[in-house]
Amino acid sequence: MSHLYGIAGAESTSSTLARDCLERQFGNAADHGVRARRYPTDMSAAEWAVARQLLPVPGRRRGRGGQPEAYCRRAMLDTVRYLVDNGTKWRAVPADFPPWDRVYAFFRRRRDHGLVREFHDRLRGKVREKAGREREPSAGVIDSQSIKADVVVGRDSRGFDGGKLINGRKRHAVVDTLGLLLGVMVTSADIGDRAAGQVLLAQVAAAHHRLALVWADGGYTSSLVEYSLTVLALVLAIVKRSDDMRAFVVLPKR
């Protein structure tokens, strides 16, 4: 996207990256003091130097008008990281972060425009390159996990997984061979792996054109293997447990 810092030709010297954020120089974020880094989820200076280049340039700085941002984006991202890592509610984030409603609005705008996914994908590409891999993966792994839902979760969004004997939701994920996320989907726990896998694999294959091979367990057999090959041009390799295995055994590519 042309409105990201790393592509828009904004300053990229080490001295510039060390600064907290552009809005402290050109906006009114300076009205709010710089919060002390105190939580394990707070970005280090090195992490912020990378993340800052991947954030969208403020519309006001691209001649689109609008109010200057009142809070530094580093503080905004630190708030989101804290919330995700601790599983807390928006209204329960600590008081030393910017107000929760401002952070939520910051996150929602970027989510609705696909920038959260773009941000994630660019970071994943950098990690893969640092590990000596291509930016886009050619192989991955698909699996699911049923999670018990709290009593406050509506019945219309949860179900009963007869195999795991869990009443709740199920998360389905595709990762690359480094374990980095390629796609994720949440369903009620009564949705089978093959049904969810067909939808998720189609989404992942459309987003990652180099992907040619995905490993899966026995829950993804039957028609999904043929569908993946004929429709998605994707080899779905099933890695099964041996009948004589007892207890937990690590399986290859699983």
C-alpha atoms as a PDB file:
ATOM      1  CA  MET A   1       0.000   0.000   0.000  1.00  0.00           C
ATOM      2  CA  SER A   2       1.446   3.349  -1.037  1.00  0.00           C
ATOM      3  CA  HIS A   3       0.414   5.138   2.172  1.00  0.00           C
ATOM      4  CA  LEU A   4       2.702   3.139   4.443  1.00  0.00           C
ATOM      5  CA  TYR A   5       5.737   4.851   5.948  1.00  0.00           C
ATOM      6  CA  GLY A   6       8.152   2.339   4.464  1.00  0.00           C
ATOM      7  CA  ILE A   7       6.910   2.983   0.913  1.00  0.00           C
ATOM      8  CA  ALA A   8       5.851   6.608   1.005  1.00  0.00           C
ATOM      9  CA  GLY A   9       9.386   7.938   1.111  1.00  0.00           C
ATOM     10  CA  ALA A  10       9.135   9.311   4.632  1.00  0.00           C
ATOM     11  CA  GLU A  11      12.271   9.793   6.691  1.00  0.00           C
ATOM     12  CA  SER A  12      13.943   6.488   7.500  1.00  0.00           C
ATOM     13  CA  THR A  13      17.242   7.411   9.176  1.00  0.00           C
ATOM     14  CA  SER A  14      18.129   5.763  12.450  1.00  0.00           C
ATOM     15  CA  SER A  15      17.803   9.101  14.278  1.00  0.00           C
ATOM     16  CA  THR A  16      14.266   9.574  12.947  1.00  0.00           C
ATOM     17  CA  LEU A  17      13.229   6.028  13.820  1.00  0.00           C
ATOM     18  CA  ALA A  18      14.436   6.552  17.360  1.00  0.00           C
ATOM     19  CA  ARG A  19      11.924   9.361  17.861  1.00  0.00           C
ATOM     20  CA  ASP A  20       8.665   8.431  19.496  1.00  0.00           C
ATOM     21  CA  CYS A  21       6.287   9.364  16.661  1.00  0.00           C
ATOM     22  CA  LEU A  22       5.625  11.961  13.982  1.00  0.00           C
ATOM     23  CA  GLU A  23       2.633  13.354  15.824  1.00  0.00           C
ATOM     24  CA  ARG A  24       4.874  14.466  18.667  1.00  0.00           C
ATOM     25  CA  GLN A  25       6.664  16.663  16.124  1.00  0.00           C
ATOM     26  CA  PHE A  26       3.789  17.807  13.904  1.00  0.00           C
ATOM     27  CA  GLY A  27       0.568  17.067  15.839  1.00  0.00           C
ATOM     28  CA  ASN A  28      -0.820  17.575  19.298  1.00  0.00           C
ATOM     29  CA  ALA A  29       0.344  14.277  20.773  1.00  0.00           C
ATOM     30  CA  ALA A  30       2.947  16.336  22.591  1.00  0.00           C
ATOM     31  CA  ASP A  31       0.124  17.558  24.833  1.00  0.00           C
ATOM     32  CA  HIS A  32       0.207  14.106  26.471  1.00  0.00           C
ATOM     33  CA  GLY A  33       3.314  13.019  28.288  1.00  0.00           C
ATOM     34  CA  VAL A  34       5.394  10.085  27.092  1.00  0.00           C
ATOM     35  CA  ARG A  35       4.285   7.066  29.137  1.00  0.00           C
ATOM     36  CA  ALA A  36       6.960   4.995  30.821  1.00  0.00           C
ATOM     37  CA  ARG A  37       7.606   1.543  29.376  1.00  0.00           C
ATOM     38  CA  ARG A  38       6.595  -0.800  32.183  1.00  0.00           C
ATOM     39  CA  TYR A  39       4.808  -3.890  30.793  1.00  0.00           C
ATOM     40  CA  PRO A  40       6.380  -6.933  29.098  1.00  0.00           C
ATOM     41  CA  THR A  41       4.185  -6.254  26.042  1.00  0.00           C
ATOM     42  CA  ASP A  42       5.568  -2.738  25.514  1.00  0.00           C
ATOM     43  CA  MET A  43       7.605  -2.478  22.335  1.00  0.00           C
ATOM     44  CA  SER A  44      11.340  -2.119  22.591  1.00  0.00           C
ATOM     45  CA  ALA A  45      13.076   0.640  20.650  1.00  0.00           C
ATOM     46  CA  ALA A  46      14.140  -1.917  18.034  1.00  0.00           C
ATOM     47  CA  GLU A  47      10.586  -3.259  17.645  1.00  0.00           C
ATOM     48  CA  TRP A  48       9.168   0.248  17.310  1.00  0.00           C
ATOM     49  CA  ALA A  49      11.777   1.121  14.673  1.00  0.00           C
ATOM     50  CA  VAL A  50      10.404  -1.715  12.530  1.00  0.00           C
ATOM     51  CA  ALA A  51       6.709  -1.196  13.307  1.00  0.00           C
ATOM     52  CA  ARG A  52       6.807   2.558  12.735  1.00  0.00           C
ATOM     53  CA  GLN A  53       7.784   2.125   9.078  1.00  0.00           C
ATOM     54  CA  LEU A  54       4.795  -0.139   8.461  1.00  0.00           C
ATOM     55  CA  LEU A  55       2.107   2.173   9.835  1.00  0.00           C
ATOM     56  CA  PRO A  56      -0.042   4.271   7.473  1.00  0.00           C
ATOM     57  CA  VAL A  57       0.954   7.896   7.061  1.00  0.00           C
ATOM     58  CA  PRO A  58      -1.666  10.111   8.790  1.00  0.00           C
ATOM     59  CA  GLY A  59      -4.217  11.429   6.289  1.00  0.00           C
ATOM     60  CA  ARG A  60      -3.555  14.977   7.433  1.00  0.00           C
ATOM     61  CA  ARG A  61       0.076  14.628   6.384  1.00  0.00           C
ATOM     62  CA  ARG A  62      -1.032  13.442   2.955  1.00  0.00           C
ATOM     63  CA  GLY A  63      -3.134  16.551   2.357  1.00  0.00           C
ATOM     64  CA  ARG A  64      -6.453  14.934   3.270  1.00  0.00           C
ATOM     65  CA  GLY A  65      -7.217  17.173   6.228  1.00  0.00           C
ATOM     66  CA  GLY A  66      -8.531  15.994   9.547  1.00  0.00           C
ATOM     67  CA  GLN A  67      -7.562  16.590  13.151  1.00  0.00           C
ATOM     68  CA  PRO A  68      -4.016  15.932  14.322  1.00  0.00           C
ATOM     69  CA  GLU A  69      -3.647  12.751  16.331  1.00  0.00           C
ATOM     70  CA  ALA A  70      -3.780  13.348  20.056  1.00  0.00           C
ATOM     71  CA  TYR A  71      -1.787  10.287  21.124  1.00  0.00           C
ATOM     72  CA  CYS A  72       1.430   8.763  19.916  1.00  0.00           C
ATOM     73  CA  ARG A  73       0.941   5.678  17.783  1.00  0.00           C
ATOM     74  CA  ARG A  74       3.549   3.818  19.772  1.00  0.00           C
ATOM     75  CA  ALA A  75       1.376   4.198  22.878  1.00  0.00           C
ATOM     76  CA  MET A  76      -1.656   3.091  20.846  1.00  0.00           C
ATOM     77  CA  LEU A  77       0.089  -0.074  19.653  1.00  0.00           C
ATOM     78  CA  ASP A  78       1.397  -0.829  23.136  1.00  0.00           C
ATOM     79  CA  THR A  79      -2.196  -0.670  24.391  1.00  0.00           C
ATOM     80  CA  VAL A  80      -3.423  -3.124  21.755  1.00  0.00           C
ATOM     81  CA  ARG A  81      -0.516  -5.483  22.483  1.00  0.00           C
ATOM     82  CA  TYR A  82      -1.319  -5.399  26.198  1.00  0.00           C
ATOM     83  CA  LEU A  83      -5.007  -6.107  25.589  1.00  0.00           C
ATOM     84  CA  VAL A  84      -4.350  -9.052  23.244  1.00  0.00           C
ATOM     85  CA  ASP A  85      -1.659 -10.614  25.430  1.00  0.00           C
ATOM     86  CA  ASN A  86      -3.633 -10.350  28.670  1.00  0.00           C
ATOM     87  CA  GLY A  87      -7.092 -11.064  27.251  1.00  0.00           C
ATOM     88  CA  THR A  88      -8.595  -8.139  29.119  1.00  0.00           C
ATOM     89  CA  LYS A  89     -11.547  -5.951  28.164  1.00  0.00           C
ATOM     90  CA  TRP A  90     -11.129  -2.657  26.334  1.00  0.00           C
ATOM     91  CA  ARG A  91     -12.527  -0.783  29.315  1.00  0.00           C
ATOM     92  CA  ALA A  92     -10.115  -2.548  31.675  1.00  0.00           C
ATOM     93  CA  VAL A  93      -6.773  -1.483  30.176  1.00  0.00           C
ATOM     94  CA  PRO A  94      -4.521   0.242  32.736  1.00  0.00           C
ATOM     95  CA  ALA A  95      -4.938   3.982  33.205  1.00  0.00           C
ATOM     96  CA  ASP A  96      -1.406   4.857  32.067  1.00  0.00           C
ATOM     97  CA  PHE A  97      -2.366   3.913  28.489  1.00  0.00           C
ATOM     98  CA  PRO A  98      -4.338   6.324  26.275  1.00  0.00           C
ATOM     99  CA  PRO A  99      -8.137   6.222  26.839  1.00  0.00           C
ATOM    100  CA  TRP A 100      -9.551   2.891  25.714  1.00  0.00           C
ATOM    101  CA  ASP A 101     -12.145   4.427  23.379  1.00  0.00           C
ATOM    102  CA  ARG A 102      -9.471   6.363  21.487  1.00  0.00           C
ATOM    103  CA  VAL A 103      -7.363   3.237  21.118  1.00  0.00           C
ATOM    104  CA  TYR A 104     -10.355   1.188  19.995  1.00  0.00           C
ATOM    105  CA  ALA A 105     -11.229   3.791  17.345  1.00  0.00           C
ATOM    106  CA  PHE A 106      -7.586   3.753  16.184  1.00  0.00           C
ATOM    107  CA  PHE A 107      -7.657  -0.060  15.911  1.00  0.00           C
ATOM    108  CA  ARG A 108     -11.132  -0.284  14.343  1.00  0.00           C
ATOM    109  CA  ARG A 109     -10.331   2.137  11.505  1.00  0.00           C
ATOM    110  CA  ARG A 110      -7.282   0.146  10.516  1.00  0.00           C
ATOM    111  CA  ARG A 111      -9.043  -3.192  10.893  1.00  0.00           C
ATOM    112  CA  ASP A 112     -11.958  -2.113   8.701  1.00  0.00           C
ATOM    113  CA  HIS A 113      -9.566  -0.972   5.942  1.00  0.00           C
ATOM    114  CA  GLY A 114      -7.571  -4.207   6.037  1.00  0.00           C
ATOM    115  CA  LEU A 115      -4.494  -2.494   7.449  1.00  0.00           C
ATOM    116  CA  VAL A 116      -4.217  -4.785  10.483  1.00  0.00           C
ATOM    117  CA  ARG A 117      -3.857  -7.780   8.153  1.00  0.00           C
ATOM    118  CA  GLU A 118      -1.451  -5.823   5.948  1.00  0.00           C
ATOM    119  CA  PHE A 119       0.628  -4.877   8.983  1.00  0.00           C
ATOM    120  CA  HIS A 120       0.724  -8.506  10.156  1.00  0.00           C
ATOM    121  CA  ASP A 121       1.632  -9.876   6.727  1.00  0.00           C
ATOM    122  CA  ARG A 122       4.505  -7.438   6.278  1.00  0.00           C
ATOM    123  CA  LEU A 123       5.927  -8.362   9.672  1.00  0.00           C
ATOM    124  CA  ARG A 124       5.617 -12.066   8.842  1.00  0.00           C
ATOM    125  CA  GLY A 125       7.497 -11.495   5.593  1.00  0.00           C
ATOM    126  CA  LYS A 126      10.324  -9.757   7.445  1.00  0.00           C
ATOM    127  CA  VAL A 127      10.580 -12.633   9.949  1.00  0.00           C
ATOM    128  CA  ARG A 128      10.691 -15.196   7.137  1.00  0.00           C
ATOM    129  CA  GLU A 129      13.409 -13.287   5.287  1.00  0.00           C
ATOM    130  CA  LYS A 130      15.460 -12.998   8.471  1.00  0.00           C
ATOM    131  CA  ALA A 131      15.180 -16.793   8.814  1.00  0.00           C
ATOM    132  CA  GLY A 132      16.502 -17.234   5.271  1.00  0.00           C
ATOM    133  CA  ARG A 133      13.116 -18.061   3.714  1.00  0.00           C
ATOM    134  CA  GLU A 134      11.132 -16.537   0.880  1.00  0.00           C
ATOM    135  CA  ARG A 135       8.651 -13.856   1.970  1.00  0.00           C
ATOM    136  CA  GLU A 136       5.735 -15.986   0.769  1.00  0.00           C
ATOM    137  CA  PRO A 137       5.511 -19.612   1.986  1.00  0.00           C
ATOM    138  CA  SER A 138       5.169 -22.657  -0.238  1.00  0.00           C
ATOM    139  CA  ALA A 139       4.090 -25.069   2.528  1.00  0.00           C
ATOM    140  CA  GLY A 140       1.929 -24.900   5.623  1.00  0.00           C
ATOM    141  CA  VAL A 141      -0.015 -26.800   8.271  1.00  0.00           C
ATOM    142  CA  ILE A 142      -3.735 -26.707   9.085  1.00  0.00           C
ATOM    143  CA  ASP A 143      -5.316 -27.714  12.387  1.00  0.00           C
ATOM    144  CA  SER A 144      -8.141 -26.810  14.752  1.00  0.00           C
ATOM    145  CA  GLN A 145      -8.765 -26.579  18.477  1.00  0.00           C
ATOM    146  CA  SER A 146     -12.057 -26.646  20.346  1.00  0.00           C
ATOM    147  CA  ILE A 147     -12.311 -24.223  23.267  1.00  0.00           C
ATOM    148  CA  LYS A 148     -14.896 -24.322  26.040  1.00  0.00           C
ATOM    149  CA  ALA A 149     -17.092 -21.207  25.918  1.00  0.00           C
ATOM    150  CA  ASP A 150     -18.096 -19.184  28.936  1.00  0.00           C
ATOM    151  CA  VAL A 151     -21.729 -19.197  29.980  1.00  0.00           C
ATOM    152  CA  VAL A 152     -22.141 -15.641  28.670  1.00  0.00           C
ATOM    153  CA  VAL A 153     -21.389 -16.770  25.093  1.00  0.00           C
ATOM    154  CA  GLY A 154     -24.621 -16.984  23.126  1.00  0.00           C
ATOM    155  CA  ARG A 155     -25.871 -20.368  21.998  1.00  0.00           C
ATOM    156  CA  ASP A 156     -26.080 -19.140  18.427  1.00  0.00           C
ATOM    157  CA  SER A 157     -22.272 -18.848  18.276  1.00  0.00           C
ATOM    158  CA  ARG A 158     -21.246 -22.034  20.033  1.00  0.00           C
ATOM    159  CA  GLY A 159     -21.856 -25.753  19.638  1.00  0.00           C
ATOM    160  CA  PHE A 160     -20.900 -29.176  20.962  1.00  0.00           C
ATOM    161  CA  ASP A 161     -17.816 -30.982  19.673  1.00  0.00           C
ATOM    162  CA  GLY A 162     -18.732 -34.654  20.098  1.00  0.00           C
ATOM    163  CA  GLY A 163     -15.175 -35.839  19.529  1.00  0.00           C
ATOM    164  CA  LYS A 164     -13.583 -33.629  22.183  1.00  0.00           C
ATOM    165  CA  LEU A 165     -16.720 -33.425  24.370  1.00  0.00           C
ATOM    166  CA  ILE A 166     -16.438 -29.633  24.468  1.00  0.00           C
ATOM    167  CA  ASN A 167     -19.281 -27.143  24.325  1.00  0.00           C
ATOM    168  CA  GLY A 168     -17.966 -23.911  22.872  1.00  0.00           C
ATOM    169  CA  ARG A 169     -16.151 -22.606  19.845  1.00  0.00           C
ATOM    170  CA  LYS A 170     -13.484 -23.939  17.540  1.00  0.00           C
ATOM    171  CA  ARG A 171     -10.575 -22.027  16.067  1.00  0.00           C
ATOM    172  CA  HIS A 172      -9.144 -23.183  12.765  1.00  0.00           C
ATOM    173  CA  ALA A 173      -5.690 -22.006  11.719  1.00  0.00           C
ATOM    174  CA  VAL A 174      -3.216 -22.380   8.875  1.00  0.00           C
ATOM    175  CA  VAL A 175       0.433 -21.601   9.643  1.00  0.00           C
ATOM    176  CA  ASP A 176       3.662 -21.759   7.663  1.00  0.00           C
ATOM    177  CA  THR A 177       6.476 -24.153   8.577  1.00  0.00           C
ATOM    178  CA  LEU A 178       7.850 -21.594  11.048  1.00  0.00           C
ATOM    179  CA  GLY A 179       4.505 -21.506  12.849  1.00  0.00           C
ATOM    180  CA  LEU A 180       3.624 -18.017  11.572  1.00  0.00           C
ATOM    181  CA  LEU A 181      -0.065 -17.412  10.962  1.00  0.00           C
ATOM    182  CA  LEU A 182      -1.382 -17.490   7.386  1.00  0.00           C
ATOM    183  CA  GLY A 183      -5.111 -17.650   8.089  1.00  0.00           C
ATOM    184  CA  VAL A 184      -7.520 -18.146  10.972  1.00  0.00           C
ATOM    185  CA  MET A 185     -11.249 -18.682  11.362  1.00  0.00           C
ATOM    186  CA  VAL A 186     -13.506 -19.139  14.410  1.00  0.00           C
ATOM    187  CA  THR A 187     -16.665 -21.255  14.293  1.00  0.00           C
ATOM    188  CA  SER A 188     -18.949 -23.000  16.735  1.00  0.00           C
ATOM    189  CA  ALA A 189     -17.381 -26.209  18.022  1.00  0.00           C
ATOM    190  CA  ASP A 190     -19.854 -28.443  16.166  1.00  0.00           C
ATOM    191  CA  ILE A 191     -18.491 -27.389  12.743  1.00  0.00           C
ATOM    192  CA  GLY A 192     -16.389 -30.194  11.286  1.00  0.00           C
ATOM    193  CA  ASP A 193     -12.763 -29.746  10.265  1.00  0.00           C
ATOM    194  CA  ARG A 194     -13.466 -30.601   6.621  1.00  0.00           C
ATOM    195  CA  ALA A 195     -16.263 -28.036   6.271  1.00  0.00           C
ATOM    196  CA  ALA A 196     -14.278 -25.260   7.914  1.00  0.00           C
ATOM    197  CA  GLY A 197     -11.064 -26.346   6.205  1.00  0.00           C
ATOM    198  CA  GLN A 198     -12.608 -25.957   2.757  1.00  0.00           C
ATOM    199  CA  VAL A 199     -13.461 -22.319   3.450  1.00  0.00           C
ATOM    200  CA  LEU A 200     -10.209 -21.486   5.228  1.00  0.00           C
ATOM    201  CA  LEU A 201      -7.932 -23.169   2.693  1.00  0.00           C
ATOM    202  CA  ALA A 202      -9.676 -21.293  -0.128  1.00  0.00           C
ATOM    203  CA  GLN A 203      -9.017 -17.992   1.659  1.00  0.00           C
ATOM    204  CA  VAL A 204      -5.390 -18.843   2.354  1.00  0.00           C
ATOM    205  CA  ALA A 205      -4.727 -20.120  -1.173  1.00  0.00           C
ATOM    206  CA  ALA A 206      -6.165 -16.906  -2.633  1.00  0.00           C
ATOM    207  CA  ALA A 207      -3.906 -14.768  -0.426  1.00  0.00           C
ATOM    208  CA  HIS A 208      -0.716 -16.847  -0.773  1.00  0.00           C
ATOM    209  CA  HIS A 209      -0.193 -17.889  -4.366  1.00  0.00           C
ATOM    210  CA  ARG A 210       3.082 -19.755  -3.740  1.00  0.00           C
ATOM    211  CA  LEU A 211       1.405 -22.131  -1.292  1.00  0.00           C
ATOM    212  CA  ALA A 212       1.466 -25.609  -2.831  1.00  0.00           C
ATOM    213  CA  LEU A 213       1.477 -28.076   0.079  1.00  0.00           C
ATOM    214  CA  VAL A 214      -0.431 -28.213   3.379  1.00  0.00           C
ATOM    215  CA  TRP A 215      -0.074 -30.928   6.007  1.00  0.00           C
ATOM    216  CA  ALA A 216      -3.131 -31.962   8.041  1.00  0.00           C
ATOM    217  CA  ASP A 217      -4.342 -34.654  10.426  1.00  0.00           C
ATOM    218  CA  GLY A 218      -6.896 -37.377   9.748  1.00  0.00           C
ATOM    219  CA  GLY A 219      -9.815 -35.031  10.390  1.00  0.00           C
ATOM    220  CA  TYR A 220      -9.250 -33.423   6.977  1.00  0.00           C
ATOM    221  CA  THR A 221      -9.465 -36.557   4.834  1.00  0.00           C
ATOM    222  CA  SER A 222     -12.142 -37.559   2.308  1.00  0.00           C
ATOM    223  CA  SER A 223     -13.444 -35.039  -0.230  1.00  0.00           C
ATOM    224  CA  LEU A 224     -11.343 -32.128   1.061  1.00  0.00           C
ATOM    225  CA  VAL A 225      -8.174 -33.712  -0.344  1.00  0.00           C
ATOM    226  CA  GLU A 226      -9.645 -33.883  -3.837  1.00  0.00           C
ATOM    227  CA  TYR A 227     -11.209 -30.425  -3.546  1.00  0.00           C
ATOM    228  CA  SER A 228      -7.883 -28.903  -2.533  1.00  0.00           C
ATOM    229  CA  LEU A 229      -6.094 -30.463  -5.494  1.00  0.00           C
ATOM    230  CA  THR A 230      -8.658 -29.866  -8.233  1.00  0.00           C
ATOM    231  CA  VAL A 231     -10.040 -26.477  -7.162  1.00  0.00           C
ATOM    232  CA  LEU A 232      -7.238 -24.848  -5.187  1.00  0.00           C
ATOM    233  CA  ALA A 233      -4.227 -26.506  -6.899  1.00  0.00           C
ATOM    234  CA  LEU A 234      -3.068 -27.404  -3.411  1.00  0.00           C
ATOM    235  CA  VAL A 235      -1.724 -30.743  -2.182  1.00  0.00           C
ATOM    236  CA  LEU A 236      -3.304 -31.636   1.159  1.00  0.00           C
ATOM    237  CA  ALA A 237      -1.016 -34.255   2.733  1.00  0.00           C
ATOM    238  CA  ILE A 238      -2.606 -36.234   5.576  1.00  0.00           C
ATOM    239  CA  VAL A 239      -0.295 -37.213   8.449  1.00  0.00           C
ATOM    240  CA  LYS A 240      -2.030 -39.930  10.465  1.00  0.00           C
ATOM    241  CA  ARG A 241      -1.289 -41.413  13.866  1.00  0.00           C
ATOM    242  CA  SER A 242      -0.344 -45.049  14.005  1.00  0.00           C
ATOM    243  CA  ASP A 243      -2.917 -47.331  15.655  1.00  0.00           C
ATOM    244  CA  ASP A 244      -0.307 -48.576  18.145  1.00  0.00           C
ATOM    245  CA  MET A 245       0.627 -45.090  19.416  1.00  0.00           C
ATOM    246  CA  ARG A 246      -0.128 -44.421  23.057  1.00  0.00           C
ATOM    247  CA  ALA A 247      -0.352 -41.073  24.860  1.00  0.00           C
ATOM    248  CA  PHE A 248       1.017 -37.918  23.213  1.00  0.00           C
ATOM    249  CA  VAL A 249       3.465 -38.403  20.341  1.00  0.00           C
ATOM    250  CA  VAL A 250       4.896 -35.611  18.213  1.00  0.00           C
ATOM    251  CA  LEU A 251       4.147 -36.310  14.564  1.00  0.00           C
ATOM    252  CA  PRO A 252       6.204 -34.942  11.653  1.00  0.00           C
ATOM    253  CA  LYS A 253       4.840 -31.759  10.022  1.00  0.00           C
ATOM    254  CA  ARG A 254       2.123 -31.490  12.658  1.00  0.00           C
END
